[in-house]
Amino acid sequence: MFRKMRRFRQQLPEEEVIEILEQENTGILSVVGDGGYPYTIPINYVYEDGKIYLHGAKEGHKVDAIKQCDKVSFCVIERDEVVPEKLTTKYRSVIAFGRARFLETEEDIFHAAKILSLKYYDDVDFIEKEIRREWNGLSCIEIKIEHMTGKEGLELLKLRR
């Protein structure tokens, strides 16, 4: 169902892919938007146990798109260093494909909002108060990853050898 990476020698091991997902702050969510056009959104996220969690409002383009088609992709760029004199880029990135769903139970929503917030700020009491304060407008999305790959540019691959 999912394509194998064409440049398989540049494929990162799964442990490094997960490490990138755990460490980075922003990913790009891609959905099928209005009229079948791709719609991409830069968004904060958290990775846990093969799933990516996002938060946002209860309405909008992203919400409508996911309700129409739950298939999404999510891209995270760990490194992006242009090397002008070689006309290349030193990069490492991850692309995940999966199914998105809106969390429904209070327990699931609270858990997702809490782990997402704790990734960026470590004051548990403050986070829990903010979640409760924003509760009525809060929506959390879970992406269950079906396939993911990580890739690094040739310049970085050469450094491994």
N, C-alpha and C. Protein backbone atom coordinates (compact mmCIF):
# COMPACT_ATOMS: atom_id res chain seq x y z
N MET A 1 0.82 -1.19 0.00
CA MET A 1 0.00 0.00 0.00
C MET A 1 0.86 1.26 0.00
N PHE A 2 1.90 1.29 0.84
CA PHE A 2 2.78 2.45 0.89
C PHE A 2 4.04 2.14 0.08
N ARG A 3 4.52 3.13 -0.61
CA ARG A 3 5.71 2.95 -1.43
C ARG A 3 6.95 2.75 -0.57
N LYS A 4 7.86 1.95 -1.09
CA LYS A 4 9.17 1.84 -0.46
C LYS A 4 9.97 3.08 -0.86
N MET A 5 10.89 3.45 0.00
CA MET A 5 11.70 4.61 -0.30
C MET A 5 12.62 4.30 -1.48
N ARG A 6 12.60 5.18 -2.47
CA ARG A 6 13.40 4.98 -3.66
C ARG A 6 14.89 4.98 -3.34
N ARG A 7 15.31 5.92 -2.56
CA ARG A 7 16.72 6.00 -2.16
C ARG A 7 16.88 5.35 -0.78
N PHE A 8 16.72 4.05 -0.77
CA PHE A 8 16.65 3.30 0.48
C PHE A 8 17.93 3.39 1.31
N ARG A 9 19.05 3.68 0.69
CA ARG A 9 20.30 3.80 1.46
C ARG A 9 20.27 5.03 2.38
N GLN A 10 19.41 5.96 2.06
CA GLN A 10 19.30 7.18 2.87
C GLN A 10 18.24 7.05 3.96
N GLN A 11 17.59 5.91 4.02
CA GLN A 11 16.53 5.72 5.00
C GLN A 11 17.11 5.59 6.41
N LEU A 12 16.51 6.30 7.35
CA LEU A 12 16.94 6.27 8.73
C LEU A 12 16.36 5.05 9.44
N PRO A 13 17.09 4.51 10.40
CA PRO A 13 16.55 3.42 11.21
C PRO A 13 15.34 3.91 12.02
N GLU A 14 14.43 3.01 12.34
CA GLU A 14 13.20 3.38 13.05
C GLU A 14 13.49 4.10 14.37
N GLU A 15 14.53 3.68 15.09
CA GLU A 15 14.85 4.33 16.36
C GLU A 15 15.15 5.82 16.16
N GLU A 16 15.85 6.15 15.08
CA GLU A 16 16.17 7.55 14.81
C GLU A 16 14.94 8.32 14.36
N VAL A 17 14.06 7.66 13.64
CA VAL A 17 12.81 8.29 13.21
C VAL A 17 11.99 8.68 14.44
N ILE A 18 11.87 7.75 15.36
CA ILE A 18 11.11 8.01 16.60
C ILE A 18 11.79 9.11 17.41
N GLU A 19 13.10 9.09 17.48
CA GLU A 19 13.84 10.12 18.20
C GLU A 19 13.55 11.51 17.62
N ILE A 20 13.52 11.62 16.31
CA ILE A 20 13.20 12.90 15.67
C ILE A 20 11.79 13.33 16.05
N LEU A 21 10.83 12.41 15.97
CA LEU A 21 9.45 12.74 16.32
C LEU A 21 9.33 13.18 17.78
N GLU A 22 10.10 12.55 18.65
CA GLU A 22 10.04 12.91 20.07
C GLU A 22 10.70 14.24 20.37
N GLN A 23 11.73 14.61 19.62
CA GLN A 23 12.52 15.79 19.97
C GLN A 23 12.07 17.09 19.30
N GLU A 24 11.54 17.01 18.10
CA GLU A 24 11.22 18.24 17.38
C GLU A 24 9.93 18.86 17.89
N ASN A 25 9.72 20.13 17.56
CA ASN A 25 8.59 20.88 18.08
C ASN A 25 7.44 21.09 17.11
N THR A 26 7.74 21.19 15.83
CA THR A 26 6.72 21.54 14.86
C THR A 26 6.72 20.54 13.72
N GLY A 27 5.53 20.17 13.31
CA GLY A 27 5.37 19.31 12.15
C GLY A 27 4.41 19.96 11.17
N ILE A 28 4.34 19.40 9.98
CA ILE A 28 3.44 19.90 8.96
C ILE A 28 2.39 18.82 8.72
N LEU A 29 1.14 19.13 9.05
CA LEU A 29 0.02 18.23 8.82
C LEU A 29 -0.54 18.48 7.44
N SER A 30 -0.71 17.42 6.68
CA SER A 30 -1.30 17.54 5.34
C SER A 30 -2.58 16.74 5.29
N VAL A 31 -3.62 17.43 4.81
CA VAL A 31 -4.95 16.82 4.69
C VAL A 31 -5.47 17.08 3.29
N VAL A 32 -6.55 16.40 2.93
CA VAL A 32 -7.22 16.68 1.67
C VAL A 32 -8.21 17.80 1.96
N GLY A 33 -7.96 18.97 1.41
CA GLY A 33 -8.77 20.14 1.70
C GLY A 33 -9.90 20.36 0.72
N ASP A 34 -10.40 21.57 0.72
CA ASP A 34 -11.53 21.93 -0.14
C ASP A 34 -11.22 21.68 -1.60
N GLY A 35 -12.17 21.11 -2.30
CA GLY A 35 -12.02 20.87 -3.73
C GLY A 35 -10.95 19.85 -4.07
N GLY A 36 -10.51 19.05 -3.08
CA GLY A 36 -9.47 18.05 -3.32
C GLY A 36 -8.06 18.60 -3.29
N TYR A 37 -7.92 19.90 -3.00
CA TYR A 37 -6.59 20.49 -2.92
C TYR A 37 -5.92 20.10 -1.60
N PRO A 38 -4.62 19.84 -1.62
CA PRO A 38 -3.92 19.58 -0.36
C PRO A 38 -3.97 20.84 0.51
N TYR A 39 -4.11 20.63 1.80
CA TYR A 39 -4.09 21.71 2.77
C TYR A 39 -3.07 21.32 3.83
N THR A 40 -2.08 22.17 4.04
CA THR A 40 -1.02 21.85 5.00
C THR A 40 -0.99 22.90 6.10
N ILE A 41 -0.72 22.42 7.31
CA ILE A 41 -0.74 23.28 8.48
C ILE A 41 0.49 23.01 9.33
N PRO A 42 1.30 24.03 9.61
CA PRO A 42 2.38 23.84 10.59
C PRO A 42 1.74 23.81 11.98
N ILE A 43 2.13 22.83 12.79
CA ILE A 43 1.44 22.66 14.07
C ILE A 43 2.36 22.00 15.10
N ASN A 44 2.19 22.38 16.36
CA ASN A 44 2.89 21.70 17.44
C ASN A 44 2.24 20.34 17.65
N TYR A 45 3.01 19.40 18.16
CA TYR A 45 2.53 18.03 18.30
C TYR A 45 3.31 17.33 19.39
N VAL A 46 2.86 16.15 19.72
CA VAL A 46 3.62 15.27 20.58
C VAL A 46 3.45 13.85 20.04
N TYR A 47 4.52 13.07 20.14
CA TYR A 47 4.52 11.67 19.70
C TYR A 47 4.50 10.78 20.94
N GLU A 48 3.63 9.78 20.91
CA GLU A 48 3.59 8.81 22.01
C GLU A 48 3.06 7.48 21.48
N ASP A 49 3.82 6.43 21.67
CA ASP A 49 3.38 5.05 21.38
C ASP A 49 2.77 4.88 19.99
N GLY A 50 3.47 5.33 18.95
CA GLY A 50 3.00 5.13 17.59
C GLY A 50 1.87 6.06 17.16
N LYS A 51 1.66 7.09 17.96
CA LYS A 51 0.60 8.05 17.64
C LYS A 51 1.13 9.47 17.77
N ILE A 52 0.54 10.35 16.99
CA ILE A 52 0.85 11.77 17.05
C ILE A 52 -0.40 12.47 17.53
N TYR A 53 -0.22 13.37 18.50
CA TYR A 53 -1.36 14.11 19.05
C TYR A 53 -1.21 15.59 18.71
N LEU A 54 -2.34 16.19 18.34
CA LEU A 54 -2.42 17.59 17.98
C LEU A 54 -3.59 18.21 18.74
N HIS A 55 -3.63 19.51 18.81
CA HIS A 55 -4.79 20.16 19.40
C HIS A 55 -5.18 21.35 18.53
N GLY A 56 -6.35 21.86 18.79
CA GLY A 56 -6.79 23.02 18.04
C GLY A 56 -8.24 23.34 18.36
N ALA A 57 -8.81 24.19 17.55
CA ALA A 57 -10.20 24.60 17.71
C ALA A 57 -11.13 23.47 17.25
N LYS A 58 -12.39 23.62 17.56
CA LYS A 58 -13.38 22.61 17.21
C LYS A 58 -13.97 22.81 15.82
N GLU A 59 -13.55 23.88 15.15
CA GLU A 59 -14.04 24.10 13.79
C GLU A 59 -12.97 24.78 12.96
N GLY A 60 -13.11 24.68 11.65
CA GLY A 60 -12.14 25.29 10.75
C GLY A 60 -11.81 24.35 9.60
N HIS A 61 -10.93 24.80 8.73
CA HIS A 61 -10.56 24.06 7.53
C HIS A 61 -9.99 22.69 7.87
N LYS A 62 -9.06 22.64 8.82
CA LYS A 62 -8.44 21.38 9.24
C LYS A 62 -9.49 20.40 9.73
N VAL A 63 -10.38 20.87 10.58
CA VAL A 63 -11.43 20.02 11.14
C VAL A 63 -12.34 19.48 10.04
N ASP A 64 -12.78 20.37 9.17
CA ASP A 64 -13.66 19.95 8.07
C ASP A 64 -12.97 18.92 7.18
N ALA A 65 -11.70 19.15 6.89
CA ALA A 65 -10.96 18.24 6.01
C ALA A 65 -10.84 16.85 6.63
N ILE A 66 -10.50 16.78 7.90
CA ILE A 66 -10.35 15.48 8.56
C ILE A 66 -11.69 14.76 8.65
N LYS A 67 -12.77 15.50 8.84
CA LYS A 67 -14.10 14.88 8.87
C LYS A 67 -14.46 14.29 7.51
N GLN A 68 -13.97 14.90 6.44
CA GLN A 68 -14.24 14.40 5.08
C GLN A 68 -13.36 13.22 4.71
N CYS A 69 -12.10 13.27 5.15
CA CYS A 69 -11.14 12.21 4.83
C CYS A 69 -10.13 12.11 5.96
N ASP A 70 -10.10 10.96 6.63
CA ASP A 70 -9.23 10.82 7.80
C ASP A 70 -7.79 10.46 7.45
N LYS A 71 -7.48 10.26 6.18
CA LYS A 71 -6.12 9.94 5.78
C LYS A 71 -5.28 11.22 5.74
N VAL A 72 -4.16 11.19 6.47
CA VAL A 72 -3.31 12.37 6.57
C VAL A 72 -1.85 11.97 6.43
N SER A 73 -1.01 12.96 6.19
CA SER A 73 0.42 12.76 6.32
C SER A 73 0.95 13.86 7.23
N PHE A 74 2.09 13.56 7.84
CA PHE A 74 2.67 14.47 8.81
C PHE A 74 4.18 14.46 8.60
N CYS A 75 4.75 15.63 8.40
CA CYS A 75 6.18 15.75 8.11
C CYS A 75 6.87 16.57 9.19
N VAL A 76 8.04 16.09 9.60
CA VAL A 76 8.86 16.80 10.56
C VAL A 76 10.27 16.92 9.98
N ILE A 77 10.81 18.12 10.01
CA ILE A 77 12.16 18.36 9.50
C ILE A 77 13.07 18.61 10.70
N GLU A 78 14.04 17.73 10.87
CA GLU A 78 14.97 17.88 12.00
C GLU A 78 16.14 18.79 11.62
N ARG A 79 16.62 18.64 10.44
CA ARG A 79 17.78 19.43 10.01
C ARG A 79 17.56 19.89 8.58
N ASP A 80 17.96 21.13 8.33
CA ASP A 80 17.77 21.73 7.01
C ASP A 80 18.86 22.78 6.82
N GLU A 81 19.99 22.32 6.33
CA GLU A 81 21.16 23.18 6.19
C GLU A 81 21.61 23.20 4.73
N VAL A 82 21.38 24.30 4.06
CA VAL A 82 21.76 24.42 2.66
C VAL A 82 23.28 24.56 2.56
N VAL A 83 23.87 23.83 1.62
CA VAL A 83 25.30 23.91 1.35
C VAL A 83 25.43 24.50 -0.06
N PRO A 84 25.47 25.84 -0.15
CA PRO A 84 25.41 26.50 -1.46
C PRO A 84 26.50 26.07 -2.42
N GLU A 85 27.72 25.95 -1.92
CA GLU A 85 28.84 25.63 -2.81
C GLU A 85 28.75 24.23 -3.41
N LYS A 86 27.90 23.37 -2.84
CA LYS A 86 27.72 22.02 -3.38
C LYS A 86 26.33 21.83 -3.99
N LEU A 87 25.54 22.90 -3.96
CA LEU A 87 24.16 22.85 -4.47
C LEU A 87 23.39 21.67 -3.88
N THR A 88 23.48 21.55 -2.56
CA THR A 88 22.80 20.46 -1.87
C THR A 88 22.35 20.93 -0.49
N THR A 89 21.69 20.04 0.22
CA THR A 89 21.21 20.34 1.56
C THR A 89 21.53 19.18 2.48
N LYS A 90 22.01 19.50 3.67
CA LYS A 90 22.15 18.49 4.73
C LYS A 90 20.80 18.48 5.45
N TYR A 91 20.09 17.37 5.32
CA TYR A 91 18.76 17.33 5.93
C TYR A 91 18.49 15.97 6.55
N ARG A 92 17.59 16.00 7.48
CA ARG A 92 17.01 14.80 8.10
C ARG A 92 15.54 15.11 8.31
N SER A 93 14.68 14.21 7.87
CA SER A 93 13.25 14.45 8.01
C SER A 93 12.51 13.14 8.18
N VAL A 94 11.27 13.27 8.62
CA VAL A 94 10.38 12.13 8.82
C VAL A 94 9.06 12.44 8.14
N ILE A 95 8.50 11.43 7.51
CA ILE A 95 7.14 11.53 6.98
C ILE A 95 6.36 10.35 7.51
N ALA A 96 5.21 10.66 8.12
CA ALA A 96 4.33 9.63 8.65
C ALA A 96 2.99 9.71 7.93
N PHE A 97 2.42 8.56 7.68
CA PHE A 97 1.09 8.46 7.09
C PHE A 97 0.19 7.78 8.12
N GLY A 98 -1.02 8.24 8.23
CA GLY A 98 -1.91 7.61 9.19
C GLY A 98 -3.34 8.08 9.06
N ARG A 99 -4.11 7.66 10.05
CA ARG A 99 -5.53 8.00 10.12
C ARG A 99 -5.75 8.91 11.32
N ALA A 100 -6.41 10.02 11.06
CA ALA A 100 -6.69 10.99 12.11
C ALA A 100 -8.10 10.78 12.65
N ARG A 101 -8.22 10.99 13.94
CA ARG A 101 -9.55 10.96 14.56
C ARG A 101 -9.61 11.97 15.68
N PHE A 102 -10.79 12.51 15.89
CA PHE A 102 -11.00 13.45 16.98
C PHE A 102 -11.26 12.65 18.25
N LEU A 103 -10.52 12.96 19.29
CA LEU A 103 -10.72 12.27 20.55
C LEU A 103 -12.06 12.68 21.13
N GLU A 104 -12.73 11.73 21.76
CA GLU A 104 -14.10 11.99 22.22
C GLU A 104 -14.28 11.94 23.72
N THR A 105 -13.57 11.05 24.41
CA THR A 105 -13.79 10.96 25.85
C THR A 105 -12.99 12.04 26.57
N GLU A 106 -13.52 12.47 27.70
CA GLU A 106 -12.82 13.48 28.50
C GLU A 106 -11.44 12.99 28.89
N GLU A 107 -11.34 11.72 29.23
CA GLU A 107 -10.05 11.14 29.64
C GLU A 107 -9.03 11.22 28.51
N ASP A 108 -9.43 10.84 27.29
CA ASP A 108 -8.52 10.86 26.14
C ASP A 108 -8.11 12.28 25.78
N ILE A 109 -9.07 13.18 25.79
CA ILE A 109 -8.78 14.58 25.44
C ILE A 109 -7.83 15.19 26.47
N PHE A 110 -8.11 14.96 27.75
CA PHE A 110 -7.27 15.51 28.81
C PHE A 110 -5.86 14.94 28.71
N HIS A 111 -5.75 13.64 28.49
CA HIS A 111 -4.42 13.01 28.36
C HIS A 111 -3.64 13.62 27.21
N ALA A 112 -4.26 13.73 26.04
CA ALA A 112 -3.57 14.28 24.86
C ALA A 112 -3.15 15.73 25.10
N ALA A 113 -4.06 16.53 25.64
CA ALA A 113 -3.74 17.94 25.90
C ALA A 113 -2.62 18.06 26.93
N LYS A 114 -2.62 17.19 27.92
CA LYS A 114 -1.60 17.26 28.96
C LYS A 114 -0.22 16.86 28.44
N ILE A 115 -0.13 15.73 27.71
CA ILE A 115 1.20 15.32 27.24
C ILE A 115 1.73 16.29 26.19
N LEU A 116 0.83 16.85 25.40
CA LEU A 116 1.25 17.85 24.41
C LEU A 116 1.79 19.09 25.13
N SER A 117 1.09 19.55 26.13
CA SER A 117 1.53 20.74 26.87
C SER A 117 2.82 20.49 27.63
N LEU A 118 2.94 19.30 28.23
CA LEU A 118 4.15 18.99 28.99
C LEU A 118 5.39 18.90 28.12
N LYS A 119 5.20 18.67 26.84
CA LYS A 119 6.35 18.65 25.92
C LYS A 119 6.98 20.04 25.85
N TYR A 120 6.17 21.07 26.03
CA TYR A 120 6.64 22.43 25.83
C TYR A 120 6.81 23.23 27.13
N TYR A 121 6.18 22.75 28.21
CA TYR A 121 6.25 23.48 29.48
C TYR A 121 6.03 22.49 30.60
N ASP A 122 6.87 22.52 31.64
CA ASP A 122 6.85 21.44 32.63
C ASP A 122 6.11 21.75 33.93
N ASP A 123 5.29 22.76 33.97
CA ASP A 123 4.52 23.08 35.17
C ASP A 123 3.16 22.39 35.10
N VAL A 124 3.06 21.23 35.73
CA VAL A 124 1.86 20.39 35.64
C VAL A 124 0.63 21.13 36.15
N ASP A 125 0.74 21.80 37.28
CA ASP A 125 -0.42 22.51 37.84
C ASP A 125 -0.93 23.57 36.88
N PHE A 126 -0.02 24.36 36.35
CA PHE A 126 -0.40 25.40 35.40
C PHE A 126 -1.08 24.78 34.16
N ILE A 127 -0.50 23.72 33.65
CA ILE A 127 -1.04 23.06 32.45
C ILE A 127 -2.44 22.53 32.71
N GLU A 128 -2.64 21.87 33.81
CA GLU A 128 -3.97 21.33 34.11
C GLU A 128 -5.01 22.44 34.26
N LYS A 129 -4.62 23.56 34.88
CA LYS A 129 -5.54 24.71 35.00
C LYS A 129 -5.88 25.27 33.61
N GLU A 130 -4.87 25.38 32.74
CA GLU A 130 -5.10 25.92 31.39
C GLU A 130 -6.00 25.00 30.57
N ILE A 131 -5.80 23.71 30.69
CA ILE A 131 -6.65 22.76 29.98
C ILE A 131 -8.10 22.94 30.43
N ARG A 132 -8.31 23.04 31.73
CA ARG A 132 -9.68 23.21 32.24
C ARG A 132 -10.27 24.55 31.78
N ARG A 133 -9.42 25.59 31.77
CA ARG A 133 -9.89 26.93 31.35
C ARG A 133 -10.32 26.94 29.88
N GLU A 134 -9.59 26.20 29.04
CA GLU A 134 -9.85 26.17 27.60
C GLU A 134 -10.74 25.01 27.17
N TRP A 135 -11.20 24.24 28.12
CA TRP A 135 -11.87 22.96 27.85
C TRP A 135 -12.98 23.05 26.80
N ASN A 136 -13.87 24.01 26.92
CA ASN A 136 -15.03 24.07 26.02
C ASN A 136 -14.66 24.31 24.56
N GLY A 137 -13.54 24.93 24.32
CA GLY A 137 -13.12 25.18 22.94
C GLY A 137 -12.04 24.24 22.44
N LEU A 138 -11.66 23.26 23.28
CA LEU A 138 -10.52 22.40 22.97
C LEU A 138 -10.91 21.17 22.16
N SER A 139 -10.13 20.91 21.14
CA SER A 139 -10.28 19.71 20.33
C SER A 139 -8.91 19.05 20.24
N CYS A 140 -8.86 17.74 20.40
CA CYS A 140 -7.60 17.02 20.27
C CYS A 140 -7.75 15.94 19.20
N ILE A 141 -6.71 15.81 18.41
CA ILE A 141 -6.68 14.87 17.30
C ILE A 141 -5.58 13.85 17.54
N GLU A 142 -5.90 12.61 17.26
CA GLU A 142 -4.92 11.53 17.35
C GLU A 142 -4.68 11.01 15.94
N ILE A 143 -3.42 10.92 15.56
CA ILE A 143 -3.06 10.29 14.29
C ILE A 143 -2.42 8.95 14.62
N LYS A 144 -3.09 7.89 14.23
CA LYS A 144 -2.52 6.56 14.40
C LYS A 144 -1.64 6.29 13.19
N ILE A 145 -0.36 6.17 13.41
CA ILE A 145 0.60 6.03 12.31
C ILE A 145 0.49 4.63 11.71
N GLU A 146 0.31 4.61 10.38
CA GLU A 146 0.26 3.34 9.65
C GLU A 146 1.58 3.03 8.96
N HIS A 147 2.31 4.09 8.62
CA HIS A 147 3.59 3.94 7.91
C HIS A 147 4.41 5.20 8.14
N MET A 148 5.70 5.04 8.38
CA MET A 148 6.55 6.23 8.50
C MET A 148 7.96 5.88 8.05
N THR A 149 8.61 6.88 7.51
CA THR A 149 10.00 6.73 7.10
C THR A 149 10.75 8.01 7.46
N GLY A 150 12.04 7.83 7.65
CA GLY A 150 12.92 8.96 7.87
C GLY A 150 14.01 8.90 6.82
N LYS A 151 14.49 10.06 6.45
CA LYS A 151 15.50 10.12 5.39
C LYS A 151 16.52 11.20 5.74
N GLU A 152 17.76 10.94 5.34
CA GLU A 152 18.78 11.97 5.49
C GLU A 152 19.47 12.18 4.15
N GLY A 153 19.93 13.40 3.95
CA GLY A 153 20.61 13.75 2.72
C GLY A 153 21.95 13.04 2.58
N LEU A 154 22.42 12.97 1.36
CA LEU A 154 23.68 12.28 1.07
C LEU A 154 24.86 12.86 1.83
N GLU A 155 24.88 14.17 2.02
CA GLU A 155 25.98 14.80 2.74
C GLU A 155 26.08 14.27 4.17
N LEU A 156 24.96 14.06 4.82
CA LEU A 156 24.97 13.51 6.18
C LEU A 156 25.26 12.02 6.17
N LEU A 157 24.76 11.34 5.17
CA LEU A 157 25.01 9.90 5.06
C LEU A 157 26.52 9.64 4.93
N LYS A 158 27.21 10.48 4.18
CA LYS A 158 28.66 10.34 4.01
C LYS A 158 29.39 10.48 5.33
N LEU A 159 28.88 11.30 6.22
CA LEU A 159 29.51 11.52 7.52
C LEU A 159 29.39 10.29 8.43
N ARG A 160 28.42 9.44 8.19
CA ARG A 160 28.22 8.23 8.98
C ARG A 160 29.29 7.17 8.68
N ARG A 161 29.78 7.23 7.46
CA ARG A 161 30.71 6.16 7.00
C ARG A 161 32.10 6.40 7.48
